[in-house]
PDB file of N, CA and C in Angstrom:
ATOM      1  N   UNK A   1     -29.314 155.549  33.526  1.00  0.00           N
ATOM      2  CA  UNK A   1     -31.262 156.111  33.281  1.00  0.00           C
ATOM      3  C   UNK A   1     -31.821 155.860  34.590  1.00  0.00           C
ATOM      4  N   UNK A   2     -31.580 154.574  34.628  1.00  0.00           N
ATOM      5  CA  UNK A   2     -32.421 154.430  36.255  1.00  0.00           C
ATOM      6  C   UNK A   2     -32.019 154.955  37.614  1.00  0.00           C
ATOM      7  N   UNK A   3     -30.648 155.584  37.747  1.00  0.00           N
ATOM      8  CA  UNK A   3     -30.310 156.301  38.640  1.00  0.00           C
ATOM      9  C   UNK A   3     -30.729 157.894  38.468  1.00  0.00           C
ATOM     10  N   UNK A   4     -30.885 158.240  37.184  1.00  0.00           N
ATOM     11  CA  UNK A   4     -31.305 159.495  37.086  1.00  0.00           C
ATOM     12  C   UNK A   4     -33.141 159.680  37.557  1.00  0.00           C
ATOM     13  N   UNK A   5     -33.691 158.405  36.870  1.00  0.00           N
ATOM     14  CA  UNK A   5     -35.111 158.501  37.459  1.00  0.00           C
ATOM     15  C   UNK A   5     -35.284 157.922  39.007  1.00  0.00           C
ATOM     16  N   UNK A   6     -34.125 157.393  39.453  1.00  0.00           N
ATOM     17  CA  UNK A   6     -34.353 157.356  41.217  1.00  0.00           C
ATOM     18  C   UNK A   6     -33.898 159.035  41.689  1.00  0.00           C
ATOM     19  N   UNK A   7     -33.392 159.574  40.920  1.00  0.00           N
ATOM     20  CA  UNK A   7     -33.123 160.922  41.533  1.00  0.00           C
ATOM     21  C   UNK A   7     -34.313 161.718  41.526  1.00  0.00           C
ATOM     22  N   UNK A   8     -34.923 161.726  40.420  1.00  0.00           N
ATOM     23  CA  UNK A   8     -36.128 162.346  40.416  1.00  0.00           C
ATOM     24  C   UNK A   8     -37.260 162.163  41.041  1.00  0.00           C
ATOM     25  N   UNK A   9     -37.230 160.684  41.232  1.00  0.00           N
ATOM     26  CA  UNK A   9     -38.288 160.427  42.190  1.00  0.00           C
ATOM     27  C   UNK A   9     -38.208 160.855  43.428  1.00  0.00           C
ATOM     28  N   UNK A  10     -36.755 160.478  43.961  1.00  0.00           N
ATOM     29  CA  UNK A  10     -36.585 161.331  45.530  1.00  0.00           C
ATOM     30  C   UNK A  10     -36.583 162.412  45.682  1.00  0.00           C
ATOM     31  N   UNK A  11     -36.445 163.380  44.688  1.00  0.00           N
ATOM     32  CA  UNK A  11     -36.940 164.879  44.579  1.00  0.00           C
ATOM     33  C   UNK A  11     -38.562 164.801  44.973  1.00  0.00           C
ATOM     34  N   UNK A  12     -39.173 164.380  44.069  1.00  0.00           N
ATOM     35  CA  UNK A  12     -40.626 164.127  44.150  1.00  0.00           C
ATOM     36  C   UNK A  12     -41.109 164.064  45.469  1.00  0.00           C
ATOM     37  N   UNK A  13     -40.537 162.937  46.004  1.00  0.00           N
ATOM     38  CA  UNK A  13     -40.850 162.174  47.384  1.00  0.00           C
ATOM     39  C   UNK A  13     -40.970 163.410  48.501  1.00  0.00           C
ATOM     40  N   UNK A  14     -39.301 164.081  48.338  1.00  0.00           N
ATOM     41  CA  UNK A  14     -39.165 165.097  49.358  1.00  0.00           C
ATOM     42  C   UNK A  14     -40.017 166.418  49.015  1.00  0.00           C
ATOM     43  N   UNK A  15     -40.579 166.846  47.924  1.00  0.00           N
ATOM     44  CA  UNK A  15     -40.942 167.979  47.522  1.00  0.00           C
ATOM     45  C   UNK A  15     -42.495 167.756  47.945  1.00  0.00           C
ATOM     46  N   UNK A  16     -42.962 166.488  47.862  1.00  0.00           N
ATOM     47  CA  UNK A  16     -44.192 165.942  48.626  1.00  0.00           C
ATOM     48  C   UNK A  16     -44.497 166.200  49.905  1.00  0.00           C
ATOM     49  N   UNK A  17     -43.358 166.460  50.976  1.00  0.00           N
ATOM     50  CA  UNK A  17     -43.188 166.698  52.119  1.00  0.00           C
ATOM     51  C   UNK A  17     -43.485 164.716  52.801  1.00  0.00           C
ATOM     52  N   UNK A  18     -43.091 164.033  52.181  1.00  0.00           N
ATOM     53  CA  UNK A  18     -43.286 162.918  52.420  1.00  0.00           C
ATOM     54  C   UNK A  18     -41.950 162.489  53.334  1.00  0.00           C
ATOM     55  N   UNK A  19     -42.272 161.434  54.362  1.00  0.00           N
ATOM     56  CA  UNK A  19     -40.779 161.077  54.969  1.00  0.00           C
ATOM     57  C   UNK A  19     -39.908 160.645  54.294  1.00  0.00           C
ATOM     58  N   UNK A  20     -38.634 161.215  54.630  1.00  0.00           N
ATOM     59  CA  UNK A  20     -37.635 160.699  53.533  1.00  0.00           C
ATOM     60  C   UNK A  20     -37.134 159.236  53.664  1.00  0.00           C
ATOM     61  N   UNK A  21     -37.241 158.662  52.636  1.00  0.00           N
ATOM     62  CA  UNK A  21     -37.154 156.893  52.495  1.00  0.00           C
ATOM     63  C   UNK A  21     -35.760 156.392  52.921  1.00  0.00           C
ATOM     64  N   UNK A  22     -35.848 154.921  53.138  1.00  0.00           N
ATOM     65  CA  UNK A  22     -34.381 154.348  53.004  1.00  0.00           C
ATOM     66  C   UNK A  22     -34.066 154.334  51.480  1.00  0.00           C
ATOM     67  N   UNK A  23     -32.874 154.147  51.034  1.00  0.00           N
ATOM     68  CA  UNK A  23     -32.460 153.723  49.725  1.00  0.00           C
ATOM     69  C   UNK A  23     -31.983 152.317  49.668  1.00  0.00           C
ATOM     70  N   UNK A  24     -32.112 151.565  48.481  1.00  0.00           N
ATOM     71  CA  UNK A  24     -31.636 150.522  48.554  1.00  0.00           C
ATOM     72  C   UNK A  24     -31.762 149.610  49.450  1.00  0.00           C
ATOM     73  N   UNK A  25     -32.862 149.475  50.137  1.00  0.00           N
ATOM     74  CA  UNK A  25     -33.262 149.015  51.505  1.00  0.00           C
ATOM     75  C   UNK A  25     -33.593 147.456  51.017  1.00  0.00           C
ATOM     76  N   UNK A  26     -32.225 146.825  51.641  1.00  0.00           N
ATOM     77  CA  UNK A  26     -32.537 145.260  51.910  1.00  0.00           C
ATOM     78  C   UNK A  26     -33.657 144.675  52.728  1.00  0.00           C
ATOM     79  N   UNK A  27     -34.751 143.986  51.623  1.00  0.00           N
ATOM     80  CA  UNK A  27     -35.972 143.897  53.006  1.00  0.00           C
ATOM     81  C   UNK A  27     -36.147 142.266  53.130  1.00  0.00           C
ATOM     82  N   UNK A  28     -35.296 141.199  52.426  1.00  0.00           N
ATOM     83  CA  UNK A  28     -35.702 139.991  52.420  1.00  0.00           C
ATOM     84  C   UNK A  28     -34.465 139.341  53.239  1.00  0.00           C
ATOM     85  N   UNK A  29     -34.852 138.720  54.524  1.00  0.00           N
ATOM     86  CA  UNK A  29     -33.748 137.899  55.410  1.00  0.00           C
ATOM     87  C   UNK A  29     -32.731 137.046  54.771  1.00  0.00           C
ATOM     88  N   UNK A  30     -33.053 136.432  53.591  1.00  0.00           N
ATOM     89  CA  UNK A  30     -32.321 135.378  52.995  1.00  0.00           C
ATOM     90  C   UNK A  30     -32.107 135.548  51.415  1.00  0.00           C
ATOM     91  N   UNK A  31     -32.557 136.397  50.720  1.00  0.00           N
ATOM     92  CA  UNK A  31     -32.342 137.018  49.558  1.00  0.00           C
ATOM     93  C   UNK A  31     -31.493 138.173  49.443  1.00  0.00           C
ATOM     94  N   UNK A  32     -30.865 138.647  48.573  1.00  0.00           N
ATOM     95  CA  UNK A  32     -30.289 140.316  48.247  1.00  0.00           C
ATOM     96  C   UNK A  32     -31.264 140.825  47.754  1.00  0.00           C
ATOM     97  N   UNK A  33     -32.568 140.948  47.767  1.00  0.00           N
ATOM     98  CA  UNK A  33     -33.509 141.583  47.359  1.00  0.00           C
ATOM     99  C   UNK A  33     -33.280 142.860  47.842  1.00  0.00           C
ATOM    100  N   UNK A  34     -33.545 144.115  47.339  1.00  0.00           N
ATOM    101  CA  UNK A  34     -33.775 145.263  47.638  1.00  0.00           C
ATOM    102  C   UNK A  34     -34.617 146.294  47.306  1.00  0.00           C
ATOM    103  N   UNK A  35     -35.315 147.097  47.610  1.00  0.00           N
ATOM    104  CA  UNK A  35     -36.286 148.303  47.178  1.00  0.00           C
ATOM    105  C   UNK A  35     -35.466 149.350  46.963  1.00  0.00           C
ATOM    106  N   UNK A  36     -35.784 149.964  45.902  1.00  0.00           N
ATOM    107  CA  UNK A  36     -35.237 151.366  45.401  1.00  0.00           C
ATOM    108  C   UNK A  36     -35.494 152.192  46.485  1.00  0.00           C
ATOM    109  N   UNK A  37     -36.856 152.404  46.889  1.00  0.00           N
ATOM    110  CA  UNK A  37     -37.137 153.460  48.342  1.00  0.00           C
ATOM    111  C   UNK A  37     -38.076 152.568  49.085  1.00  0.00           C
ATOM    112  N   UNK A  38     -38.108 152.910  50.745  1.00  0.00           N
ATOM    113  CA  UNK A  38     -38.688 152.099  51.504  1.00  0.00           C
ATOM    114  C   UNK A  38     -38.930 152.743  52.799  1.00  0.00           C
ATOM    115  N   UNK A  39     -39.800 152.693  53.327  1.00  0.00           N
ATOM    116  CA  UNK A  39     -40.256 153.023  54.300  1.00  0.00           C
ATOM    117  C   UNK A  39     -40.758 151.922  55.763  1.00  0.00           C
ATOM    118  N   UNK A  40     -39.619 151.194  56.264  1.00  0.00           N
ATOM    119  CA  UNK A  40     -39.975 149.978  56.726  1.00  0.00           C
ATOM    120  C   UNK A  40     -40.930 150.127  57.783  1.00  0.00           C
ATOM    121  N   UNK A  41     -40.905 151.142  58.489  1.00  0.00           N
ATOM    122  CA  UNK A  41     -42.083 151.516  59.478  1.00  0.00           C
ATOM    123  C   UNK A  41     -43.455 151.402  59.062  1.00  0.00           C
ATOM    124  N   UNK A  42     -43.638 151.667  57.862  1.00  0.00           N
ATOM    125  CA  UNK A  42     -45.060 151.498  57.601  1.00  0.00           C
ATOM    126  C   UNK A  42     -45.002 150.630  56.165  1.00  0.00           C
ATOM    127  N   UNK A  43     -44.113 149.733  56.006  1.00  0.00           N
ATOM    128  CA  UNK A  43     -44.077 148.674  55.230  1.00  0.00           C
ATOM    129  C   UNK A  43     -44.355 149.156  53.655  1.00  0.00           C
ATOM    130  N   UNK A  44     -44.016 150.122  53.742  1.00  0.00           N
ATOM    131  CA  UNK A  44     -44.276 150.773  52.000  1.00  0.00           C
ATOM    132  C   UNK A  44     -43.142 151.014  51.520  1.00  0.00           C
ATOM    133  N   UNK A  45     -43.066 150.516  49.721  1.00  0.00           N
ATOM    134  CA  UNK A  45     -41.666 150.625  49.290  1.00  0.00           C
ATOM    135  C   UNK A  45     -42.064 150.716  47.899  1.00  0.00           C
ATOM    136  N   UNK A  46     -41.239 151.438  47.182  1.00  0.00           N
ATOM    137  CA  UNK A  46     -41.138 152.091  45.660  1.00  0.00           C
ATOM    138  C   UNK A  46     -40.024 151.341  45.032  1.00  0.00           C
ATOM    139  N   UNK A  47     -40.436 150.736  43.612  1.00  0.00           N
ATOM    140  CA  UNK A  47     -39.701 150.117  42.858  1.00  0.00           C
ATOM    141  C   UNK A  47     -39.915 150.950  41.565  1.00  0.00           C
ATOM    142  N   UNK A  48     -38.327 151.455  41.096  1.00  0.00           N
ATOM    143  CA  UNK A  48     -38.394 152.394  40.019  1.00  0.00           C
ATOM    144  C   UNK A  48     -38.063 151.354  38.501  1.00  0.00           C
ATOM    145  N   UNK A  49     -39.061 150.988  37.993  1.00  0.00           N
ATOM    146  CA  UNK A  49     -38.620 150.243  36.626  1.00  0.00           C
ATOM    147  C   UNK A  49     -38.356 151.008  35.521  1.00  0.00           C
ATOM    148  N   UNK A  50     -37.046 151.084  35.527  1.00  0.00           N
ATOM    149  CA  UNK A  50     -36.478 151.653  34.222  1.00  0.00           C
ATOM    150  C   UNK A  50     -36.411 150.583  33.034  1.00  0.00           C
ATOM    151  N   UNK A  51     -36.388 151.539  31.921  1.00  0.00           N
ATOM    152  CA  UNK A  51     -36.230 150.553  30.533  1.00  0.00           C
ATOM    153  C   UNK A  51     -37.307 150.228  29.934  1.00  0.00           C
ATOM    154  N   UNK A  52     -38.461 150.733  30.643  1.00  0.00           N
ATOM    155  CA  UNK A  52     -39.648 150.129  30.089  1.00  0.00           C
ATOM    156  C   UNK A  52     -39.659 150.285  28.235  1.00  0.00           C
ATOM    157  N   UNK A  53     -39.386 151.298  28.095  1.00  0.00           N
ATOM    158  CA  UNK A  53     -39.285 151.332  26.400  1.00  0.00           C
ATOM    159  C   UNK A  53     -38.337 150.868  25.549  1.00  0.00           C
ATOM    160  N   UNK A  54     -37.139 150.701  26.115  1.00  0.00           N
ATOM    161  CA  UNK A  54     -35.725 150.258  25.494  1.00  0.00           C
ATOM    162  C   UNK A  54     -35.360 148.707  26.138  1.00  0.00           C
ATOM    163  N   UNK A  55     -36.441 147.886  26.073  1.00  0.00           N
ATOM    164  CA  UNK A  55     -36.212 146.572  26.359  1.00  0.00           C
ATOM    165  C   UNK A  55     -35.166 146.228  27.700  1.00  0.00           C
ATOM    166  N   UNK A  56     -35.135 147.176  28.727  1.00  0.00           N
ATOM    167  CA  UNK A  56     -34.577 146.863  29.946  1.00  0.00           C
ATOM    168  C   UNK A  56     -34.737 145.677  30.615  1.00  0.00           C
ATOM    169  N   UNK A  57     -33.950 145.469  31.693  1.00  0.00           N
ATOM    170  CA  UNK A  57     -34.014 144.376  32.364  1.00  0.00           C
ATOM    171  C   UNK A  57     -35.271 143.652  33.127  1.00  0.00           C
ATOM    172  N   UNK A  58     -36.156 144.906  33.493  1.00  0.00           N
ATOM    173  CA  UNK A  58     -37.264 144.610  33.926  1.00  0.00           C
ATOM    174  C   UNK A  58     -38.373 143.903  32.864  1.00  0.00           C
ATOM    175  N   UNK A  59     -38.396 144.507  31.759  1.00  0.00           N
ATOM    176  CA  UNK A  59     -39.241 143.669  30.719  1.00  0.00           C
ATOM    177  C   UNK A  59     -39.003 142.746  29.816  1.00  0.00           C
ATOM    178  N   UNK A  60     -37.622 142.225  30.073  1.00  0.00           N
ATOM    179  CA  UNK A  60     -37.176 140.947  29.391  1.00  0.00           C
ATOM    180  C   UNK A  60     -37.678 139.975  30.095  1.00  0.00           C
ATOM    181  N   UNK A  61     -37.711 138.550  29.342  1.00  0.00           N
ATOM    182  CA  UNK A  61     -38.384 137.377  30.088  1.00  0.00           C
ATOM    183  C   UNK A  61     -37.819 137.189  31.155  1.00  0.00           C
ATOM    184  N   UNK A  62     -36.666 136.883  31.480  1.00  0.00           N
ATOM    185  CA  UNK A  62     -35.727 136.369  32.502  1.00  0.00           C
ATOM    186  C   UNK A  62     -36.044 137.491  33.861  1.00  0.00           C
ATOM    187  N   UNK A  63     -36.152 138.821  33.636  1.00  0.00           N
ATOM    188  CA  UNK A  63     -35.862 140.129  34.455  1.00  0.00           C
ATOM    189  C   UNK A  63     -37.302 139.971  34.927  1.00  0.00           C
ATOM    190  N   UNK A  64     -38.293 140.056  34.098  1.00  0.00           N
ATOM    191  CA  UNK A  64     -39.609 139.821  34.822  1.00  0.00           C
ATOM    192  C   UNK A  64     -40.006 139.217  35.624  1.00  0.00           C
ATOM    193  N   UNK A  65     -39.789 137.650  35.274  1.00  0.00           N
ATOM    194  CA  UNK A  65     -40.024 136.575  36.226  1.00  0.00           C
ATOM    195  C   UNK A  65     -39.315 136.565  37.525  1.00  0.00           C
ATOM    196  N   UNK A  66     -38.034 137.032  37.333  1.00  0.00           N
ATOM    197  CA  UNK A  66     -37.295 137.470  38.687  1.00  0.00           C
ATOM    198  C   UNK A  66     -38.319 138.536  39.698  1.00  0.00           C
ATOM    199  N   UNK A  67     -38.477 139.641  38.740  1.00  0.00           N
ATOM    200  CA  UNK A  67     -39.404 140.470  39.506  1.00  0.00           C
ATOM    201  C   UNK A  67     -40.450 140.027  40.493  1.00  0.00           C
ATOM    202  N   UNK A  68     -41.560 139.219  39.283  1.00  0.00           N
ATOM    203  CA  UNK A  68     -42.496 138.806  39.729  1.00  0.00           C
ATOM    204  C   UNK A  68     -42.669 137.989  41.203  1.00  0.00           C
ATOM    205  N   UNK A  69     -41.038 137.463  41.185  1.00  0.00           N
ATOM    206  CA  UNK A  69     -40.996 136.395  42.317  1.00  0.00           C
ATOM    207  C   UNK A  69     -40.786 137.144  43.702  1.00  0.00           C
ATOM    208  N   UNK A  70     -39.733 138.298  43.267  1.00  0.00           N
ATOM    209  CA  UNK A  70     -39.599 139.264  44.175  1.00  0.00           C
ATOM    210  C   UNK A  70     -40.651 140.128  44.767  1.00  0.00           C
ATOM    211  N   UNK A  71     -41.493 140.442  43.964  1.00  0.00           N
ATOM    212  CA  UNK A  71     -42.692 141.428  44.434  1.00  0.00           C
ATOM    213  C   UNK A  71     -43.665 140.462  45.205  1.00  0.00           C
ATOM    214  N   UNK A  72     -43.657 139.330  44.550  1.00  0.00           N
ATOM    215  CA  UNK A  72     -44.600 138.106  45.454  1.00  0.00           C
ATOM    216  C   UNK A  72     -44.241 137.966  47.122  1.00  0.00           C
ATOM    217  N   UNK A  73     -43.003 137.744  46.860  1.00  0.00           N
ATOM    218  CA  UNK A  73     -42.422 137.415  48.511  1.00  0.00           C
ATOM    219  C   UNK A  73     -42.547 138.818  49.059  1.00  0.00           C
ATOM    220  N   UNK A  74     -42.198 139.697  48.892  1.00  0.00           N
ATOM    221  CA  UNK A  74     -42.680 141.324  49.265  1.00  0.00           C
ATOM    222  C   UNK A  74     -43.916 141.176  49.819  1.00  0.00           C
ATOM    223  N   UNK A  75     -45.118 140.949  49.094  1.00  0.00           N
ATOM    224  CA  UNK A  75     -46.419 141.156  49.296  1.00  0.00           C
ATOM    225  C   UNK A  75     -46.605 139.989  50.722  1.00  0.00           C
ATOM    226  N   UNK A  76     -46.488 138.790  50.292  1.00  0.00           N
ATOM    227  CA  UNK A  76     -46.402 137.788  51.688  1.00  0.00           C
ATOM    228  C   UNK A  76     -45.898 138.071  52.600  1.00  0.00           C
ATOM    229  N   UNK A  77     -44.669 139.227  52.755  1.00  0.00           N
ATOM    230  CA  UNK A  77     -44.295 139.623  53.867  1.00  0.00           C
ATOM    231  C   UNK A  77     -44.677 140.948  54.446  1.00  0.00           C
ATOM    232  N   UNK A  78     -46.039 141.025  53.773  1.00  0.00           N
ATOM    233  CA  UNK A  78     -46.804 142.445  54.523  1.00  0.00           C
ATOM    234  C   UNK A  78     -46.423 143.888  53.685  1.00  0.00           C
ATOM    235  N   UNK A  79     -45.479 144.056  52.785  1.00  0.00           N
ATOM    236  CA  UNK A  79     -44.932 144.999  51.875  1.00  0.00           C
ATOM    237  C   UNK A  79     -46.173 145.412  50.787  1.00  0.00           C
ATOM    238  N   UNK A  80     -46.281 147.025  50.993  1.00  0.00           N
ATOM    239  CA  UNK A  80     -46.966 147.526  49.911  1.00  0.00           C
ATOM    240  C   UNK A  80     -46.007 147.841  48.985  1.00  0.00           C
ATOM    241  N   UNK A  81     -46.070 147.664  47.778  1.00  0.00           N
ATOM    242  CA  UNK A  81     -45.119 147.981  46.629  1.00  0.00           C
ATOM    243  C   UNK A  81     -45.693 148.459  45.813  1.00  0.00           C
ATOM    244  N   UNK A  82     -44.933 150.008  45.558  1.00  0.00           N
ATOM    245  CA  UNK A  82     -45.712 150.664  44.343  1.00  0.00           C
ATOM    246  C   UNK A  82     -44.686 150.607  43.395  1.00  0.00           C
ATOM    247  N   UNK A  83     -45.031 150.182  42.113  1.00  0.00           N
ATOM    248  CA  UNK A  83     -44.238 150.237  41.099  1.00  0.00           C
ATOM    249  C   UNK A  83     -44.487 151.303  40.173  1.00  0.00           C
ATOM    250  N   UNK A  84     -43.265 152.034  39.556  1.00  0.00           N
ATOM    251  CA  UNK A  84     -43.505 153.110  39.111  1.00  0.00           C
ATOM    252  C   UNK A  84     -42.428 152.965  37.701  1.00  0.00           C
ATOM    253  N   UNK A  85     -42.749 153.794  36.696  1.00  0.00           N
ATOM    254  CA  UNK A  85     -42.053 153.974  35.431  1.00  0.00           C
ATOM    255  C   UNK A  85     -41.739 155.530  35.075  1.00  0.00           C
ATOM    256  N   UNK A  86     -40.426 155.289  34.429  1.00  0.00           N
ATOM    257  CA  UNK A  86     -40.147 156.719  34.196  1.00  0.00           C
ATOM    258  C   UNK A  86     -41.199 157.849  33.731  1.00  0.00           C
ATOM    259  N   UNK A  87     -42.145 157.294  32.756  1.00  0.00           N
ATOM    260  CA  UNK A  87     -43.412 158.299  32.590  1.00  0.00           C
ATOM    261  C   UNK A  87     -44.055 158.275  33.858  1.00  0.00           C
ATOM    262  N   UNK A  88     -44.602 157.692  34.524  1.00  0.00           N
ATOM    263  CA  UNK A  88     -45.117 157.898  36.082  1.00  0.00           C
ATOM    264  C   UNK A  88     -44.487 158.853  36.925  1.00  0.00           C
ATOM    265  N   UNK A  89     -43.191 158.828  36.773  1.00  0.00           N
ATOM    266  CA  UNK A  89     -42.424 160.009  37.431  1.00  0.00           C
ATOM    267  C   UNK A  89     -42.492 161.391  36.838  1.00  0.00           C
ATOM    268  N   UNK A  90     -41.992 161.312  35.701  1.00  0.00           N
ATOM    269  CA  UNK A  90     -42.169 162.496  34.762  1.00  0.00           C
ATOM    270  C   UNK A  90     -43.675 163.267  34.974  1.00  0.00           C
ATOM    271  N   UNK A  91     -44.738 162.300  34.973  1.00  0.00           N
ATOM    272  CA  UNK A  91     -45.924 162.976  35.068  1.00  0.00           C
ATOM    273  C   UNK A  91     -46.442 163.412  36.354  1.00  0.00           C
ATOM    274  N   UNK A  92     -45.731 162.815  37.228  1.00  0.00           N
ATOM    275  CA  UNK A  92     -46.305 163.176  38.720  1.00  0.00           C
ATOM    276  C   UNK A  92     -47.179 162.121  39.411  1.00  0.00           C
ATOM    277  N   UNK A  93     -47.094 161.020  38.585  1.00  0.00           N
ATOM    278  CA  UNK A  93     -48.201 160.256  38.914  1.00  0.00           C
ATOM    279  C   UNK A  93     -47.591 159.102  40.259  1.00  0.00           C
ATOM    280  N   UNK A  94     -46.750 159.334  39.626  1.00  0.00           N
ATOM    281  CA  UNK A  94     -45.828 158.316  40.972  1.00  0.00           C
ATOM    282  C   UNK A  94     -46.055 158.858  42.134  1.00  0.00           C
ATOM    283  N   UNK A  95     -45.719 160.051  42.475  1.00  0.00           N
ATOM    284  CA  UNK A  95     -45.703 160.769  43.666  1.00  0.00           C
ATOM    285  C   UNK A  95     -46.975 160.583  44.306  1.00  0.00           C
ATOM    286  N   UNK A  96     -47.664 160.939  43.541  1.00  0.00           N
ATOM    287  CA  UNK A  96     -49.480 160.659  44.004  1.00  0.00           C
ATOM    288  C   UNK A  96     -49.797 159.003  44.580  1.00  0.00           C
ATOM    289  N   UNK A  97     -49.060 158.443  43.847  1.00  0.00           N
ATOM    290  CA  UNK A  97     -49.626 157.195  43.928  1.00  0.00           C
ATOM    291  C   UNK A  97     -48.714 156.864  45.499  1.00  0.00           C
ATOM    292  N   UNK A  98     -47.645 157.233  45.745  1.00  0.00           N
ATOM    293  CA  UNK A  98     -46.913 156.979  47.062  1.00  0.00           C
ATOM    294  C   UNK A  98     -47.917 157.685  47.825  1.00  0.00           C
ATOM    295  N   UNK A  99     -48.381 159.035  47.776  1.00  0.00           N
ATOM    296  CA  UNK A  99     -49.101 159.518  48.881  1.00  0.00           C
ATOM    297  C   UNK A  99     -50.200 158.596  49.538  1.00  0.00           C
ATOM    298  N   UNK A 100     -50.877 157.931  48.183  1.00  0.00           N
ATOM    299  CA  UNK A 100     -52.114 157.293  48.489  1.00  0.00           C
ATOM    300  C   UNK A 100     -51.706 156.065  49.223  1.00  0.00           C
ATOM    301  N   UNK A 101     -50.466 155.742  48.858  1.00  0.00           N
ATOM    302  CA  UNK A 101     -50.026 153.964  49.681  1.00  0.00           C
ATOM    303  C   UNK A 101     -49.945 154.776  51.201  1.00  0.00           C
ATOM    304  N   UNK A 102     -49.499 155.840  51.595  1.00  0.00           N
ATOM    305  CA  UNK A 102     -49.270 156.294  53.326  1.00  0.00           C
ATOM    306  C   UNK A 102     -50.813 156.480  53.426  1.00  0.00           C
ATOM    307  N   UNK A 103     -51.792 157.055  52.873  1.00  0.00           N
ATOM    308  CA  UNK A 103     -53.382 156.879  53.010  1.00  0.00           C
ATOM    309  C   UNK A 103     -53.707 155.556  53.482  1.00  0.00           C
ATOM    310  N   UNK A 104     -53.384 154.796  52.562  1.00  0.00           N
ATOM    311  CA  UNK A 104     -53.999 153.388  52.738  1.00  0.00           C
ATOM    312  C   UNK A 104     -53.415 152.847  54.032  1.00  0.00           C
ATOM    313  N   UNK A 105     -52.068 153.012  53.975  1.00  0.00           N
ATOM    314  CA  UNK A 105     -51.371 152.763  55.389  1.00  0.00           C
ATOM    315  C   UNK A 105     -52.011 152.981  56.682  1.00  0.00           C
ATOM    316  N   UNK A 106     -52.218 154.082  56.784  1.00  0.00           N
ATOM    317  CA  UNK A 106     -52.447 155.043  58.003  1.00  0.00           C
ATOM    318  C   UNK A 106     -53.977 154.455  58.087  1.00  0.00           C
ATOM    319  N   UNK A 107     -54.969 154.367  57.063  1.00  0.00           N
ATOM    320  CA  UNK A 107     -56.560 153.993  57.210  1.00  0.00           C
ATOM    321  C   UNK A 107     -56.418 152.882  57.695  1.00  0.00           C
ATOM    322  N   UNK A 108     -55.299 151.618  57.438  1.00  0.00           N
ATOM    323  CA  UNK A 108     -55.864 150.370  58.187  1.00  0.00           C
ATOM    324  C   UNK A 108     -55.568 150.534  59.587  1.00  0.00           C
TER     325      UNK A 108
END
């Protein structure tokens, strides 16, 4: 399911005329943490949180705790991380949030 959501997200990113992101981007120098999509030059990243309604890894206690650590480290390193669910991708909200993230970075 996650790969299908990521494929849908990538299509929406490209349809929105946003720059092509790097996929599975390794962002931490010591950990094996990756972003689903990243624009390193802008320090913007997107994480697709699959399984939100099926008790997937991201919503179980251990996975949730690990994600909190990962996202906190990303924020401390200066990344703007947009987290999206399948519902957000299907409704178009995710693409809008990504556009707004770029507007935020450009305005800074």
